[in-house]
Amino acid sequence: MGDGYFTENFVKLCIDNFTKEEVLKLISILDEKFGIKSTINKRTNPNGRVVWRIRISKTSMDKLRSLVSPYFIPEMLYKLGIKK
């Protein structure tokens, strides 16, 4: 619940310690197993370290919400763009 955020109708998963190859594998699994479309995003931290994140497509947000919201505590639903 904590390693990500909702903005502009999509979710970004902050999985900064995964390699680029691992992130691409996760993106593939999200699509194949759950039909969730996502892309890889590169971020350069202030210290110059490059990290990789997953951006969930806004077209897949309803699917993502339906799959994961039952497992969220109410105080964290804002991370999916759900208002209490």
PDB file of N, CA and C in Angstrom:
ATOM      1  N   MET A   1       0.811  -1.198   0.000  1.00  0.00           N
ATOM      2  CA  MET A   1       0.000   0.000   0.000  1.00  0.00           C
ATOM      3  C   MET A   1       0.853   1.260   0.000  1.00  0.00           C
ATOM      4  N   GLY A   2       2.046   1.168   0.548  1.00  0.00           N
ATOM      5  CA  GLY A   2       2.822   2.371   0.763  1.00  0.00           C
ATOM      6  C   GLY A   2       3.759   2.765  -0.360  1.00  0.00           C
ATOM      7  N   ASP A   3       4.156   1.840  -1.214  1.00  0.00           N
ATOM      8  CA  ASP A   3       5.174   2.151  -2.216  1.00  0.00           C
ATOM      9  C   ASP A   3       4.571   2.498  -3.563  1.00  0.00           C
ATOM     10  N   GLY A   4       3.823   3.580  -3.579  1.00  0.00           N
ATOM     11  CA  GLY A   4       3.217   4.046  -4.813  1.00  0.00           C
ATOM     12  C   GLY A   4       2.354   5.254  -4.537  1.00  0.00           C
ATOM     13  N   TYR A   5       1.839   5.835  -5.616  1.00  0.00           N
ATOM     14  CA  TYR A   5       0.972   6.997  -5.445  1.00  0.00           C
ATOM     15  C   TYR A   5       0.037   7.137  -6.642  1.00  0.00           C
ATOM     16  N   PHE A   6      -1.064   7.860  -6.407  1.00  0.00           N
ATOM     17  CA  PHE A   6      -2.060   8.147  -7.424  1.00  0.00           C
ATOM     18  C   PHE A   6      -1.902   9.592  -7.850  1.00  0.00           C
ATOM     19  N   THR A   7      -1.876   9.809  -9.158  1.00  0.00           N
ATOM     20  CA  THR A   7      -1.810  11.156  -9.697  1.00  0.00           C
ATOM     21  C   THR A   7      -2.368  11.165 -11.117  1.00  0.00           C
ATOM     22  N   GLU A   8      -3.075  12.199 -11.472  1.00  0.00           N
ATOM     23  CA  GLU A   8      -3.567  12.392 -12.843  1.00  0.00           C
ATOM     24  C   GLU A   8      -4.257  11.142 -13.409  1.00  0.00           C
ATOM     25  N   ASN A   9      -5.047  10.463 -12.613  1.00  0.00           N
ATOM     26  CA  ASN A   9      -5.827   9.293 -13.039  1.00  0.00           C
ATOM     27  C   ASN A   9      -5.010   8.041 -13.305  1.00  0.00           C
ATOM     28  N   PHE A  10      -3.810   7.959 -12.783  1.00  0.00           N
ATOM     29  CA  PHE A  10      -3.047   6.714 -12.889  1.00  0.00           C
ATOM     30  C   PHE A  10      -2.256   6.493 -11.601  1.00  0.00           C
ATOM     31  N   VAL A  11      -1.721   5.276 -11.467  1.00  0.00           N
ATOM     32  CA  VAL A  11      -0.919   4.905 -10.304  1.00  0.00           C
ATOM     33  C   VAL A  11       0.512   4.659 -10.744  1.00  0.00           C
ATOM     34  N   LYS A  12       1.445   5.104  -9.927  1.00  0.00           N
ATOM     35  CA  LYS A  12       2.850   4.751 -10.127  1.00  0.00           C
ATOM     36  C   LYS A  12       3.270   3.882  -8.953  1.00  0.00           C
ATOM     37  N   LEU A  13       3.903   2.763  -9.270  1.00  0.00           N
ATOM     38  CA  LEU A  13       4.445   1.874  -8.257  1.00  0.00           C
ATOM     39  C   LEU A  13       5.933   2.160  -8.116  1.00  0.00           C
ATOM     40  N   CYS A  14       6.349   2.530  -6.933  1.00  0.00           N
ATOM     41  CA  CYS A  14       7.736   2.904  -6.670  1.00  0.00           C
ATOM     42  C   CYS A  14       8.508   1.665  -6.212  1.00  0.00           C
ATOM     43  N   ILE A  15       9.024   0.964  -7.184  1.00  0.00           N
ATOM     44  CA  ILE A  15       9.758  -0.274  -6.916  1.00  0.00           C
ATOM     45  C   ILE A  15      11.228  -0.042  -7.257  1.00  0.00           C
ATOM     46  N   ASP A  16      11.783   0.966  -6.592  1.00  0.00           N
ATOM     47  CA  ASP A  16      13.090   1.508  -6.961  1.00  0.00           C
ATOM     48  C   ASP A  16      14.256   0.536  -6.834  1.00  0.00           C
ATOM     49  N   ASN A  17      14.131  -0.520  -6.077  1.00  0.00           N
ATOM     50  CA  ASN A  17      15.251  -1.448  -5.908  1.00  0.00           C
ATOM     51  C   ASN A  17      15.221  -2.619  -6.883  1.00  0.00           C
ATOM     52  N   PHE A  18      14.245  -2.636  -7.779  1.00  0.00           N
ATOM     53  CA  PHE A  18      14.185  -3.678  -8.796  1.00  0.00           C
ATOM     54  C   PHE A  18      15.026  -3.257 -10.003  1.00  0.00           C
ATOM     55  N   THR A  19      15.606  -4.233 -10.686  1.00  0.00           N
ATOM     56  CA  THR A  19      16.351  -3.933 -11.909  1.00  0.00           C
ATOM     57  C   THR A  19      15.366  -3.642 -13.042  1.00  0.00           C
ATOM     58  N   LYS A  20      15.877  -3.063 -14.112  1.00  0.00           N
ATOM     59  CA  LYS A  20      15.030  -2.791 -15.273  1.00  0.00           C
ATOM     60  C   LYS A  20      14.427  -4.085 -15.802  1.00  0.00           C
ATOM     61  N   GLU A  21      15.200  -5.151 -15.851  1.00  0.00           N
ATOM     62  CA  GLU A  21      14.704  -6.441 -16.346  1.00  0.00           C
ATOM     63  C   GLU A  21      13.594  -6.990 -15.454  1.00  0.00           C
ATOM     64  N   GLU A  22      13.752  -6.846 -14.146  1.00  0.00           N
ATOM     65  CA  GLU A  22      12.715  -7.313 -13.215  1.00  0.00           C
ATOM     66  C   GLU A  22      11.429  -6.514 -13.372  1.00  0.00           C
ATOM     67  N   VAL A  23      11.565  -5.207 -13.569  1.00  0.00           N
ATOM     68  CA  VAL A  23      10.385  -4.359 -13.760  1.00  0.00           C
ATOM     69  C   VAL A  23       9.661  -4.740 -15.050  1.00  0.00           C
ATOM     70  N   LEU A  24      10.410  -4.982 -16.119  1.00  0.00           N
ATOM     71  CA  LEU A  24       9.788  -5.403 -17.381  1.00  0.00           C
ATOM     72  C   LEU A  24       9.069  -6.746 -17.213  1.00  0.00           C
ATOM     73  N   LYS A  25       9.637  -7.642 -16.438  1.00  0.00           N
ATOM     74  CA  LYS A  25       8.996  -8.924 -16.158  1.00  0.00           C
ATOM     75  C   LYS A  25       7.691  -8.712 -15.379  1.00  0.00           C
ATOM     76  N   LEU A  26       7.715  -7.843 -14.381  1.00  0.00           N
ATOM     77  CA  LEU A  26       6.507  -7.543 -13.612  1.00  0.00           C
ATOM     78  C   LEU A  26       5.419  -6.936 -14.500  1.00  0.00           C
ATOM     79  N   ILE A  27       5.803  -6.056 -15.398  1.00  0.00           N
ATOM     80  CA  ILE A  27       4.850  -5.451 -16.336  1.00  0.00           C
ATOM     81  C   ILE A  27       4.212  -6.540 -17.195  1.00  0.00           C
ATOM     82  N   SER A  28       5.019  -7.467 -17.670  1.00  0.00           N
ATOM     83  CA  SER A  28       4.519  -8.573 -18.481  1.00  0.00           C
ATOM     84  C   SER A  28       3.539  -9.444 -17.688  1.00  0.00           C
ATOM     85  N   ILE A  29       3.857  -9.731 -16.442  1.00  0.00           N
ATOM     86  CA  ILE A  29       2.977 -10.544 -15.598  1.00  0.00           C
ATOM     87  C   ILE A  29       1.662  -9.825 -15.322  1.00  0.00           C
ATOM     88  N   LEU A  30       1.724  -8.524 -15.033  1.00  0.00           N
ATOM     89  CA  LEU A  30       0.492  -7.759 -14.804  1.00  0.00           C
ATOM     90  C   LEU A  30      -0.443  -7.852 -16.006  1.00  0.00           C
ATOM     91  N   ASP A  31       0.131  -7.791 -17.200  1.00  0.00           N
ATOM     92  CA  ASP A  31      -0.678  -7.874 -18.417  1.00  0.00           C
ATOM     93  C   ASP A  31      -1.199  -9.286 -18.650  1.00  0.00           C
ATOM     94  N   GLU A  32      -0.321 -10.271 -18.594  1.00  0.00           N
ATOM     95  CA  GLU A  32      -0.704 -11.648 -18.907  1.00  0.00           C
ATOM     96  C   GLU A  32      -1.691 -12.240 -17.904  1.00  0.00           C
ATOM     97  N   LYS A  33      -1.451 -12.034 -16.621  1.00  0.00           N
ATOM     98  CA  LYS A  33      -2.276 -12.668 -15.590  1.00  0.00           C
ATOM     99  C   LYS A  33      -3.510 -11.868 -15.213  1.00  0.00           C
ATOM    100  N   PHE A  34      -3.416 -10.533 -15.322  1.00  0.00           N
ATOM    101  CA  PHE A  34      -4.509  -9.698 -14.818  1.00  0.00           C
ATOM    102  C   PHE A  34      -5.093  -8.748 -15.853  1.00  0.00           C
ATOM    103  N   GLY A  35      -4.486  -8.654 -17.033  1.00  0.00           N
ATOM    104  CA  GLY A  35      -4.973  -7.734 -18.055  1.00  0.00           C
ATOM    105  C   GLY A  35      -4.757  -6.278 -17.702  1.00  0.00           C
ATOM    106  N   ILE A  36      -3.764  -6.007 -16.862  1.00  0.00           N
ATOM    107  CA  ILE A  36      -3.458  -4.638 -16.455  1.00  0.00           C
ATOM    108  C   ILE A  36      -2.329  -4.109 -17.340  1.00  0.00           C
ATOM    109  N   LYS A  37      -2.640  -3.047 -18.050  1.00  0.00           N
ATOM    110  CA  LYS A  37      -1.667  -2.417 -18.942  1.00  0.00           C
ATOM    111  C   LYS A  37      -0.831  -1.418 -18.158  1.00  0.00           C
ATOM    112  N   SER A  38       0.473  -1.476 -18.372  1.00  0.00           N
ATOM    113  CA  SER A  38       1.365  -0.565 -17.669  1.00  0.00           C
ATOM    114  C   SER A  38       2.624  -0.334 -18.500  1.00  0.00           C
ATOM    115  N   THR A  39       3.383   0.677 -18.094  1.00  0.00           N
ATOM    116  CA  THR A  39       4.626   1.006 -18.781  1.00  0.00           C
ATOM    117  C   THR A  39       5.737   1.184 -17.753  1.00  0.00           C
ATOM    118  N   ILE A  40       6.959   1.124 -18.234  1.00  0.00           N
ATOM    119  CA  ILE A  40       8.116   1.354 -17.378  1.00  0.00           C
ATOM    120  C   ILE A  40       8.470   2.834 -17.430  1.00  0.00           C
ATOM    121  N   ASN A  41       8.824   3.390 -16.276  1.00  0.00           N
ATOM    122  CA  ASN A  41       9.258   4.782 -16.207  1.00  0.00           C
ATOM    123  C   ASN A  41      10.610   4.867 -15.533  1.00  0.00           C
ATOM    124  N   LYS A  42      11.482   5.645 -16.141  1.00  0.00           N
ATOM    125  CA  LYS A  42      12.824   5.864 -15.606  1.00  0.00           C
ATOM    126  C   LYS A  42      12.813   7.120 -14.736  1.00  0.00           C
ATOM    127  N   ARG A  43      13.462   7.035 -13.589  1.00  0.00           N
ATOM    128  CA  ARG A  43      13.592   8.197 -12.714  1.00  0.00           C
ATOM    129  C   ARG A  43      15.043   8.282 -12.260  1.00  0.00           C
ATOM    130  N   THR A  44      15.583   9.477 -12.319  1.00  0.00           N
ATOM    131  CA  THR A  44      16.929   9.712 -11.809  1.00  0.00           C
ATOM    132  C   THR A  44      16.802  10.445 -10.485  1.00  0.00           C
ATOM    133  N   ASN A  45      17.244   9.793  -9.412  1.00  0.00           N
ATOM    134  CA  ASN A  45      17.182  10.389  -8.082  1.00  0.00           C
ATOM    135  C   ASN A  45      18.142  11.567  -7.978  1.00  0.00           C
ATOM    136  N   PRO A  46      17.947  12.432  -6.980  1.00  0.00           N
ATOM    137  CA  PRO A  46      18.849  13.581  -6.808  1.00  0.00           C
ATOM    138  C   PRO A  46      20.322  13.189  -6.685  1.00  0.00           C
ATOM    139  N   ASN A  47      20.582  11.970  -6.200  1.00  0.00           N
ATOM    140  CA  ASN A  47      21.977  11.523  -6.069  1.00  0.00           C
ATOM    141  C   ASN A  47      22.524  10.941  -7.373  1.00  0.00           C
ATOM    142  N   GLY A  48      21.710  10.969  -8.449  1.00  0.00           N
ATOM    143  CA  GLY A  48      22.145  10.492  -9.755  1.00  0.00           C
ATOM    144  C   GLY A  48      21.829   9.033 -10.033  1.00  0.00           C
ATOM    145  N   ARG A  49      21.300   8.331  -9.055  1.00  0.00           N
ATOM    146  CA  ARG A  49      20.964   6.915  -9.227  1.00  0.00           C
ATOM    147  C   ARG A  49      19.699   6.773 -10.084  1.00  0.00           C
ATOM    148  N   VAL A  50      19.769   5.928 -11.099  1.00  0.00           N
ATOM    149  CA  VAL A  50      18.622   5.659 -11.969  1.00  0.00           C
ATOM    150  C   VAL A  50      17.814   4.523 -11.365  1.00  0.00           C
ATOM    151  N   VAL A  51      16.499   4.742 -11.250  1.00  0.00           N
ATOM    152  CA  VAL A  51      15.591   3.708 -10.753  1.00  0.00           C
ATOM    153  C   VAL A  51      14.444   3.561 -11.741  1.00  0.00           C
ATOM    154  N   TRP A  52      13.746   2.430 -11.648  1.00  0.00           N
ATOM    155  CA  TRP A  52      12.663   2.111 -12.572  1.00  0.00           C
ATOM    156  C   TRP A  52      11.365   1.950 -11.804  1.00  0.00           C
ATOM    157  N   ARG A  53      10.279   2.462 -12.387  1.00  0.00           N
ATOM    158  CA  ARG A  53       8.964   2.399 -11.763  1.00  0.00           C
ATOM    159  C   ARG A  53       7.943   1.903 -12.774  1.00  0.00           C
ATOM    160  N   ILE A  54       6.817   1.452 -12.248  1.00  0.00           N
ATOM    161  CA  ILE A  54       5.727   0.991 -13.101  1.00  0.00           C
ATOM    162  C   ILE A  54       4.614   2.026 -13.054  1.00  0.00           C
ATOM    163  N   ARG A  55       4.153   2.409 -14.229  1.00  0.00           N
ATOM    164  CA  ARG A  55       3.013   3.331 -14.355  1.00  0.00           C
ATOM    165  C   ARG A  55       1.841   2.524 -14.874  1.00  0.00           C
ATOM    166  N   ILE A  56       0.798   2.409 -14.056  1.00  0.00           N
ATOM    167  CA  ILE A  56      -0.415   1.692 -14.445  1.00  0.00           C
ATOM    168  C   ILE A  56      -1.241   2.609 -15.338  1.00  0.00           C
ATOM    169  N   SER A  57      -1.610   2.119 -16.504  1.00  0.00           N
ATOM    170  CA  SER A  57      -2.391   2.904 -17.460  1.00  0.00           C
ATOM    171  C   SER A  57      -3.743   3.282 -16.870  1.00  0.00           C
ATOM    172  N   LYS A  58      -4.203   4.503 -17.184  1.00  0.00           N
ATOM    173  CA  LYS A  58      -5.521   4.900 -16.673  1.00  0.00           C
ATOM    174  C   LYS A  58      -6.629   4.017 -17.217  1.00  0.00           C
ATOM    175  N   THR A  59      -6.410   3.374 -18.367  1.00  0.00           N
ATOM    176  CA  THR A  59      -7.429   2.457 -18.893  1.00  0.00           C
ATOM    177  C   THR A  59      -7.521   1.179 -18.062  1.00  0.00           C
ATOM    178  N   SER A  60      -6.518   0.904 -17.238  1.00  0.00           N
ATOM    179  CA  SER A  60      -6.528  -0.288 -16.383  1.00  0.00           C
ATOM    180  C   SER A  60      -6.839   0.018 -14.924  1.00  0.00           C
ATOM    181  N   MET A  61      -7.123   1.276 -14.613  1.00  0.00           N
ATOM    182  CA  MET A  61      -7.345   1.652 -13.217  1.00  0.00           C
ATOM    183  C   MET A  61      -8.559   0.956 -12.601  1.00  0.00           C
ATOM    184  N   ASP A  62      -9.659   0.818 -13.341  1.00  0.00           N
ATOM    185  CA  ASP A  62     -10.834   0.146 -12.780  1.00  0.00           C
ATOM    186  C   ASP A  62     -10.510  -1.304 -12.423  1.00  0.00           C
ATOM    187  N   LYS A  63      -9.779  -1.973 -13.291  1.00  0.00           N
ATOM    188  CA  LYS A  63      -9.390  -3.358 -13.038  1.00  0.00           C
ATOM    189  C   LYS A  63      -8.475  -3.444 -11.822  1.00  0.00           C
ATOM    190  N   LEU A  64      -7.481  -2.565 -11.754  1.00  0.00           N
ATOM    191  CA  LEU A  64      -6.571  -2.549 -10.613  1.00  0.00           C
ATOM    192  C   LEU A  64      -7.334  -2.323  -9.312  1.00  0.00           C
ATOM    193  N   ARG A  65      -8.208  -1.332  -9.312  1.00  0.00           N
ATOM    194  CA  ARG A  65      -8.985  -1.038  -8.105  1.00  0.00           C
ATOM    195  C   ARG A  65      -9.808  -2.243  -7.665  1.00  0.00           C
ATOM    196  N   SER A  66     -10.462  -2.892  -8.623  1.00  0.00           N
ATOM    197  CA  SER A  66     -11.315  -4.031  -8.252  1.00  0.00           C
ATOM    198  C   SER A  66     -10.498  -5.186  -7.685  1.00  0.00           C
ATOM    199  N   LEU A  67      -9.268  -5.353  -8.160  1.00  0.00           N
ATOM    200  CA  LEU A  67      -8.420  -6.450  -7.676  1.00  0.00           C
ATOM    201  C   LEU A  67      -7.802  -6.173  -6.304  1.00  0.00           C
ATOM    202  N   VAL A  68      -7.354  -4.950  -6.069  1.00  0.00           N
ATOM    203  CA  VAL A  68      -6.576  -4.698  -4.857  1.00  0.00           C
ATOM    204  C   VAL A  68      -7.300  -3.942  -3.751  1.00  0.00           C
ATOM    205  N   SER A  69      -8.342  -3.179  -4.069  1.00  0.00           N
ATOM    206  CA  SER A  69      -8.981  -2.360  -3.032  1.00  0.00           C
ATOM    207  C   SER A  69      -9.535  -3.178  -1.860  1.00  0.00           C
ATOM    208  N   PRO A  70     -10.012  -4.426  -2.066  1.00  0.00           N
ATOM    209  CA  PRO A  70     -10.489  -5.182  -0.894  1.00  0.00           C
ATOM    210  C   PRO A  70      -9.394  -5.455   0.141  1.00  0.00           C
ATOM    211  N   TYR A  71      -8.141  -5.339  -0.239  1.00  0.00           N
ATOM    212  CA  TYR A  71      -7.017  -5.627   0.655  1.00  0.00           C
ATOM    213  C   TYR A  71      -6.413  -4.366   1.271  1.00  0.00           C
ATOM    214  N   PHE A  72      -6.926  -3.197   0.880  1.00  0.00           N
ATOM    215  CA  PHE A  72      -6.422  -1.932   1.398  1.00  0.00           C
ATOM    216  C   PHE A  72      -7.168  -1.545   2.666  1.00  0.00           C
ATOM    217  N   ILE A  73      -6.436  -0.966   3.607  1.00  0.00           N
ATOM    218  CA  ILE A  73      -7.120  -0.366   4.743  1.00  0.00           C
ATOM    219  C   ILE A  73      -7.742   0.937   4.248  1.00  0.00           C
ATOM    220  N   PRO A  74      -8.874   1.348   4.839  1.00  0.00           N
ATOM    221  CA  PRO A  74      -9.576   2.537   4.336  1.00  0.00           C
ATOM    222  C   PRO A  74      -8.700   3.783   4.256  1.00  0.00           C
ATOM    223  N   GLU A  75      -7.785   3.944   5.192  1.00  0.00           N
ATOM    224  CA  GLU A  75      -6.929   5.134   5.219  1.00  0.00           C
ATOM    225  C   GLU A  75      -5.962   5.212   4.043  1.00  0.00           C
ATOM    226  N   MET A  76      -5.777   4.119   3.317  1.00  0.00           N
ATOM    227  CA  MET A  76      -4.827   4.102   2.198  1.00  0.00           C
ATOM    228  C   MET A  76      -5.516   4.075   0.828  1.00  0.00           C
ATOM    229  N   LEU A  77      -6.825   4.080   0.783  1.00  0.00           N
ATOM    230  CA  LEU A  77      -7.539   4.020  -0.498  1.00  0.00           C
ATOM    231  C   LEU A  77      -7.247   5.214  -1.396  1.00  0.00           C
ATOM    232  N   TYR A  78      -6.829   6.326  -0.814  1.00  0.00           N
ATOM    233  CA  TYR A  78      -6.489   7.496  -1.634  1.00  0.00           C
ATOM    234  C   TYR A  78      -5.362   7.181  -2.615  1.00  0.00           C
ATOM    235  N   LYS A  79      -4.542   6.175  -2.301  1.00  0.00           N
ATOM    236  CA  LYS A  79      -3.444   5.783  -3.199  1.00  0.00           C
ATOM    237  C   LYS A  79      -3.963   5.150  -4.485  1.00  0.00           C
ATOM    238  N   LEU A  80      -5.237   4.788  -4.491  1.00  0.00           N
ATOM    239  CA  LEU A  80      -5.894   4.265  -5.705  1.00  0.00           C
ATOM    240  C   LEU A  80      -6.841   5.295  -6.318  1.00  0.00           C
ATOM    241  N   GLY A  81      -6.857   6.485  -5.751  1.00  0.00           N
ATOM    242  CA  GLY A  81      -7.761   7.525  -6.238  1.00  0.00           C
ATOM    243  C   GLY A  81      -9.176   7.322  -5.749  1.00  0.00           C
ATOM    244  N   ILE A  82      -9.341   6.588  -4.644  1.00  0.00           N
ATOM    245  CA  ILE A  82     -10.672   6.336  -4.071  1.00  0.00           C
ATOM    246  C   ILE A  82     -10.829   7.221  -2.851  1.00  0.00           C
ATOM    247  N   LYS A  83     -11.906   8.002  -2.853  1.00  0.00           N
ATOM    248  CA  LYS A  83     -12.179   8.860  -1.705  1.00  0.00           C
ATOM    249  C   LYS A  83     -13.053   8.113  -0.722  1.00  0.00           C
ATOM    250  N   LYS A  84     -12.744   8.253   0.570  1.00  0.00           N
ATOM    251  CA  LYS A  84     -13.533   7.601   1.620  1.00  0.00           C
ATOM    252  C   LYS A  84     -14.869   8.283   1.785  1.00  0.00           C
TER     253      LYS A  84
END
